[in-house]
PDB file of all heavy atoms in Angstrom:
ATOM      1  N   SER A   1       6.136  -7.277  -4.027  1.00  0.00           N
ATOM      2  CA  SER A   1       5.415  -6.874  -5.238  1.00  0.00           C
ATOM      3  C   SER A   1       4.003  -7.442  -5.237  1.00  0.00           C
ATOM      4  O   SER A   1       3.063  -6.750  -5.638  1.00  0.00           O
ATOM      5  CB  SER A   1       6.162  -7.363  -6.487  1.00  0.00           C
ATOM      6  OG  SER A   1       7.397  -6.698  -6.635  1.00  0.00           O
ATOM      7  N   ILE A   2       3.832  -8.686  -4.804  1.00  0.00           N
ATOM      8  CA  ILE A   2       2.511  -9.283  -4.887  1.00  0.00           C
ATOM      9  C   ILE A   2       1.531  -8.557  -3.979  1.00  0.00           C
ATOM     10  O   ILE A   2       0.371  -8.354  -4.368  1.00  0.00           O
ATOM     11  CB  ILE A   2       2.545 -10.791  -4.506  1.00  0.00           C
ATOM     12  CG1 ILE A   2       1.202 -11.454  -4.842  1.00  0.00           C
ATOM     13  CG2 ILE A   2       2.958 -11.008  -3.060  1.00  0.00           C
ATOM     14  CD1 ILE A   2       1.232 -12.950  -4.815  1.00  0.00           C
ATOM     15  N   ASP A   3       1.922  -8.115  -2.785  1.00  0.00           N
ATOM     16  CA  ASP A   3       1.040  -7.351  -1.915  1.00  0.00           C
ATOM     17  C   ASP A   3       0.656  -6.031  -2.556  1.00  0.00           C
ATOM     18  O   ASP A   3      -0.536  -5.670  -2.584  1.00  0.00           O
ATOM     19  CB  ASP A   3       1.779  -7.058  -0.584  1.00  0.00           C
ATOM     20  CG  ASP A   3       1.673  -8.225   0.386  1.00  0.00           C
ATOM     21  OD1 ASP A   3       0.983  -9.194   0.081  1.00  0.00           O
ATOM     22  OD2 ASP A   3       2.311  -8.147   1.446  1.00  0.00           O
ATOM     23  N   VAL A   4       1.655  -5.314  -3.057  1.00  0.00           N
ATOM     24  CA  VAL A   4       1.432  -4.019  -3.649  1.00  0.00           C
ATOM     25  C   VAL A   4       0.535  -4.122  -4.872  1.00  0.00           C
ATOM     26  O   VAL A   4      -0.473  -3.413  -5.006  1.00  0.00           O
ATOM     27  CB  VAL A   4       2.760  -3.348  -4.009  1.00  0.00           C
ATOM     28  CG1 VAL A   4       2.520  -2.024  -4.744  1.00  0.00           C
ATOM     29  CG2 VAL A   4       3.581  -3.105  -2.754  1.00  0.00           C
ATOM     30  N   VAL A   5       0.895  -4.995  -5.796  1.00  0.00           N
ATOM     31  CA  VAL A   5       0.176  -5.116  -7.053  1.00  0.00           C
ATOM     32  C   VAL A   5      -1.249  -5.594  -6.838  1.00  0.00           C
ATOM     33  O   VAL A   5      -2.212  -5.057  -7.456  1.00  0.00           O
ATOM     34  CB  VAL A   5       0.930  -6.016  -8.043  1.00  0.00           C
ATOM     35  CG1 VAL A   5       0.099  -6.278  -9.282  1.00  0.00           C
ATOM     36  CG2 VAL A   5       2.257  -5.380  -8.418  1.00  0.00           C
ATOM     37  N   LEU A   6      -1.465  -6.584  -5.962  1.00  0.00           N
ATOM     38  CA  LEU A   6      -2.797  -7.103  -5.725  1.00  0.00           C
ATOM     39  C   LEU A   6      -3.682  -6.004  -5.159  1.00  0.00           C
ATOM     40  O   LEU A   6      -4.848  -5.863  -5.567  1.00  0.00           O
ATOM     41  CB  LEU A   6      -2.753  -8.283  -4.761  1.00  0.00           C
ATOM     42  CG  LEU A   6      -2.288  -9.615  -5.352  1.00  0.00           C
ATOM     43  CD1 LEU A   6      -2.205 -10.688  -4.246  1.00  0.00           C
ATOM     44  CD2 LEU A   6      -3.252 -10.089  -6.445  1.00  0.00           C
ATOM     45  N   GLY A   7      -3.157  -5.203  -4.238  1.00  0.00           N
ATOM     46  CA  GLY A   7      -3.942  -4.129  -3.668  1.00  0.00           C
ATOM     47  C   GLY A   7      -4.303  -3.073  -4.708  1.00  0.00           C
ATOM     48  O   GLY A   7      -5.446  -2.624  -4.765  1.00  0.00           O
ATOM     49  N   LEU A   8      -3.359  -2.704  -5.510  1.00  0.00           N
ATOM     50  CA  LEU A   8      -3.600  -1.677  -6.528  1.00  0.00           C
ATOM     51  C   LEU A   8      -4.549  -2.200  -7.608  1.00  0.00           C
ATOM     52  O   LEU A   8      -5.437  -1.475  -8.090  1.00  0.00           O
ATOM     53  CB  LEU A   8      -2.293  -1.229  -7.152  1.00  0.00           C
ATOM     54  CG  LEU A   8      -1.320  -0.488  -6.210  1.00  0.00           C
ATOM     55  CD1 LEU A   8       0.005  -0.265  -6.892  1.00  0.00           C
ATOM     56  CD2 LEU A   8      -1.937   0.836  -5.744  1.00  0.00           C
ATOM     57  N   GLU A   9      -4.370  -3.436  -8.005  1.00  0.00           N
ATOM     58  CA  GLU A   9      -5.270  -4.027  -9.029  1.00  0.00           C
ATOM     59  C   GLU A   9      -6.674  -4.166  -8.495  1.00  0.00           C
ATOM     60  O   GLU A   9      -7.636  -4.134  -9.278  1.00  0.00           O
ATOM     61  CB  GLU A   9      -4.724  -5.387  -9.481  1.00  0.00           C
ATOM     62  CG  GLU A   9      -3.497  -5.296 -10.358  1.00  0.00           C
ATOM     63  CD  GLU A   9      -3.024  -6.654 -10.833  1.00  0.00           C
ATOM     64  OE1 GLU A   9      -3.412  -7.675 -10.197  1.00  0.00           O
ATOM     65  OE2 GLU A   9      -2.260  -6.702 -11.799  1.00  0.00           O
ATOM     66  N   ALA A  10      -6.829  -4.296  -7.184  1.00  0.00           N
ATOM     67  CA  ALA A  10      -8.169  -4.386  -6.598  1.00  0.00           C
ATOM     68  C   ALA A  10      -8.856  -3.037  -6.574  1.00  0.00           C
ATOM     69  O   ALA A  10     -10.058  -2.971  -6.310  1.00  0.00           O
ATOM     70  CB  ALA A  10      -8.067  -4.921  -5.174  1.00  0.00           C
ATOM     71  N   GLY A  11      -8.107  -1.973  -6.860  1.00  0.00           N
ATOM     72  CA  GLY A  11      -8.732  -0.635  -6.924  1.00  0.00           C
ATOM     73  C   GLY A  11      -8.177   0.359  -5.939  1.00  0.00           C
ATOM     74  O   GLY A  11      -8.679   1.472  -5.855  1.00  0.00           O
ATOM     75  N   ALA A  12      -7.162  -0.021  -5.153  1.00  0.00           N
ATOM     76  CA  ALA A  12      -6.567   0.930  -4.220  1.00  0.00           C
ATOM     77  C   ALA A  12      -5.872   2.058  -4.963  1.00  0.00           C
ATOM     78  O   ALA A  12      -5.391   1.870  -6.075  1.00  0.00           O
ATOM     79  CB  ALA A  12      -5.588   0.195  -3.299  1.00  0.00           C
ATOM     80  N   ASP A  13      -5.824   3.199  -4.335  1.00  0.00           N
ATOM     81  CA  ASP A  13      -5.214   4.377  -4.947  1.00  0.00           C
ATOM     82  C   ASP A  13      -3.764   4.563  -4.529  1.00  0.00           C
ATOM     83  O   ASP A  13      -3.005   5.201  -5.223  1.00  0.00           O
ATOM     84  CB  ASP A  13      -6.023   5.626  -4.569  1.00  0.00           C
ATOM     85  CG  ASP A  13      -7.455   5.553  -5.051  1.00  0.00           C
ATOM     86  OD1 ASP A  13      -7.665   5.818  -6.262  1.00  0.00           O
ATOM     87  OD2 ASP A  13      -8.330   5.189  -4.259  1.00  0.00           O
ATOM     88  N   ASP A  14      -3.404   3.995  -3.388  1.00  0.00           N
ATOM     89  CA  ASP A  14      -2.022   4.114  -2.916  1.00  0.00           C
ATOM     90  C   ASP A  14      -1.815   3.035  -1.874  1.00  0.00           C
ATOM     91  O   ASP A  14      -2.760   2.343  -1.464  1.00  0.00           O
ATOM     92  CB  ASP A  14      -1.816   5.508  -2.310  1.00  0.00           C
ATOM     93  CG  ASP A  14      -0.339   5.930  -2.272  1.00  0.00           C
ATOM     94  OD1 ASP A  14       0.540   5.090  -2.580  1.00  0.00           O
ATOM     95  OD2 ASP A  14      -0.066   7.107  -1.952  1.00  0.00           O
ATOM     96  N   TYR A  15      -0.574   2.904  -1.404  1.00  0.00           N
ATOM     97  CA  TYR A  15      -0.288   1.974  -0.323  1.00  0.00           C
ATOM     98  C   TYR A  15       0.813   2.547   0.564  1.00  0.00           C
ATOM     99  O   TYR A  15       1.622   3.356   0.125  1.00  0.00           O
ATOM    100  CB  TYR A  15       0.095   0.588  -0.872  1.00  0.00           C
ATOM    101  CG  TYR A  15       1.541   0.474  -1.264  1.00  0.00           C
ATOM    102  CD1 TYR A  15       2.497  -0.062  -0.394  1.00  0.00           C
ATOM    103  CD2 TYR A  15       1.949   0.930  -2.508  1.00  0.00           C
ATOM    104  CE1 TYR A  15       3.849  -0.134  -0.755  1.00  0.00           C
ATOM    105  CE2 TYR A  15       3.277   0.854  -2.882  1.00  0.00           C
ATOM    106  CZ  TYR A  15       4.224   0.335  -1.998  1.00  0.00           C
ATOM    107  OH  TYR A  15       5.534   0.267  -2.367  1.00  0.00           O
ATOM    108  N   VAL A  16       0.816   2.098   1.809  1.00  0.00           N
ATOM    109  CA  VAL A  16       1.835   2.509   2.785  1.00  0.00           C
ATOM    110  C   VAL A  16       2.386   1.253   3.439  1.00  0.00           C
ATOM    111  O   VAL A  16       1.577   0.369   3.839  1.00  0.00           O
ATOM    112  CB  VAL A  16       1.265   3.496   3.835  1.00  0.00           C
ATOM    113  CG1 VAL A  16       2.316   3.791   4.908  1.00  0.00           C
ATOM    114  CG2 VAL A  16       0.770   4.759   3.176  1.00  0.00           C
ATOM    115  N   THR A  17       3.679   1.144   3.561  1.00  0.00           N
ATOM    116  CA  THR A  17       4.285  -0.024   4.171  1.00  0.00           C
ATOM    117  C   THR A  17       4.446   0.165   5.675  1.00  0.00           C
ATOM    118  O   THR A  17       4.869   1.220   6.157  1.00  0.00           O
ATOM    119  CB  THR A  17       5.662  -0.272   3.540  1.00  0.00           C
ATOM    120  OG1 THR A  17       5.524  -0.442   2.133  1.00  0.00           O
ATOM    121  CG2 THR A  17       6.292  -1.537   4.123  1.00  0.00           C
ATOM    122  N   LYS A  18       4.051  -0.861   6.437  1.00  0.00           N
ATOM    123  CA  LYS A  18       4.261  -0.869   7.892  1.00  0.00           C
ATOM    124  C   LYS A  18       5.640  -1.434   8.232  1.00  0.00           C
ATOM    125  O   LYS A  18       6.125  -2.275   7.503  1.00  0.00           O
ATOM    126  CB  LYS A  18       3.163  -1.716   8.546  1.00  0.00           C
ATOM    127  CG  LYS A  18       1.757  -1.177   8.365  1.00  0.00           C
ATOM    128  CD  LYS A  18       0.730  -1.899   9.247  1.00  0.00           C
ATOM    129  CE  LYS A  18       0.524  -3.322   8.871  1.00  0.00           C
ATOM    130  NZ  LYS A  18      -0.534  -3.985   9.629  1.00  0.00           N
ATOM    131  N   PRO A  19       6.229  -0.949   9.323  1.00  0.00           N
ATOM    132  CA  PRO A  19       5.746   0.106  10.233  1.00  0.00           C
ATOM    133  C   PRO A  19       5.843   1.481   9.572  1.00  0.00           C
ATOM    134  O   PRO A  19       6.805   1.738   8.851  1.00  0.00           O
ATOM    135  CB  PRO A  19       6.648  -0.011  11.445  1.00  0.00           C
ATOM    136  CG  PRO A  19       7.938  -0.567  10.903  1.00  0.00           C
ATOM    137  CD  PRO A  19       7.537  -1.488   9.781  1.00  0.00           C
ATOM    138  N   PHE A  20       4.897   2.324   9.815  1.00  0.00           N
ATOM    139  CA  PHE A  20       4.894   3.640   9.212  1.00  0.00           C
ATOM    140  C   PHE A  20       4.943   4.715  10.265  1.00  0.00           C
ATOM    141  O   PHE A  20       4.520   4.540  11.411  1.00  0.00           O
ATOM    142  CB  PHE A  20       3.648   3.849   8.328  1.00  0.00           C
ATOM    143  CG  PHE A  20       2.363   3.451   9.004  1.00  0.00           C
ATOM    144  CD1 PHE A  20       1.733   4.283   9.941  1.00  0.00           C
ATOM    145  CD2 PHE A  20       1.752   2.241   8.699  1.00  0.00           C
ATOM    146  CE1 PHE A  20       0.568   3.918  10.550  1.00  0.00           C
ATOM    147  CE2 PHE A  20       0.566   1.869   9.306  1.00  0.00           C
ATOM    148  CZ  PHE A  20      -0.032   2.697  10.249  1.00  0.00           C
ATOM    149  N   ASP A  21       5.490   5.845   9.888  1.00  0.00           N
ATOM    150  CA  ASP A  21       5.491   7.028  10.748  1.00  0.00           C
ATOM    151  C   ASP A  21       4.139   7.720  10.626  1.00  0.00           C
ATOM    152  O   ASP A  21       3.609   7.860   9.513  1.00  0.00           O
ATOM    153  CB  ASP A  21       6.623   7.957  10.303  1.00  0.00           C
ATOM    154  CG  ASP A  21       6.699   9.227  11.150  1.00  0.00           C
ATOM    155  OD1 ASP A  21       7.389   9.206  12.197  1.00  0.00           O
ATOM    156  OD2 ASP A  21       6.036  10.220  10.801  1.00  0.00           O
ATOM    157  N   GLY A  22       3.595   8.113  11.775  1.00  0.00           N
ATOM    158  CA  GLY A  22       2.263   8.736  11.756  1.00  0.00           C
ATOM    159  C   GLY A  22       2.209   9.944  10.861  1.00  0.00           C
ATOM    160  O   GLY A  22       1.212  10.164  10.164  1.00  0.00           O
ATOM    161  N   ALA A  23       3.272  10.770  10.850  1.00  0.00           N
ATOM    162  CA  ALA A  23       3.268  11.971  10.035  1.00  0.00           C
ATOM    163  C   ALA A  23       3.248  11.628   8.555  1.00  0.00           C
ATOM    164  O   ALA A  23       2.629  12.340   7.751  1.00  0.00           O
ATOM    165  CB  ALA A  23       4.505  12.841  10.360  1.00  0.00           C
ATOM    166  N   VAL A  24       3.966  10.539   8.191  1.00  0.00           N
ATOM    167  CA  VAL A  24       3.983  10.107   6.787  1.00  0.00           C
ATOM    168  C   VAL A  24       2.593   9.634   6.377  1.00  0.00           C
ATOM    169  O   VAL A  24       2.087   9.965   5.289  1.00  0.00           O
ATOM    170  CB  VAL A  24       5.017   9.001   6.585  1.00  0.00           C
ATOM    171  CG1 VAL A  24       4.889   8.398   5.208  1.00  0.00           C
ATOM    172  CG2 VAL A  24       6.423   9.559   6.798  1.00  0.00           C
TER     173      VAL A  24
END
């Protein structure tokens, strides 16, 4: 939660968790 929320509160529009599929 802290990673996600900090990024979004900083102004990010979305997030993707690694490892991620290239198509995703």
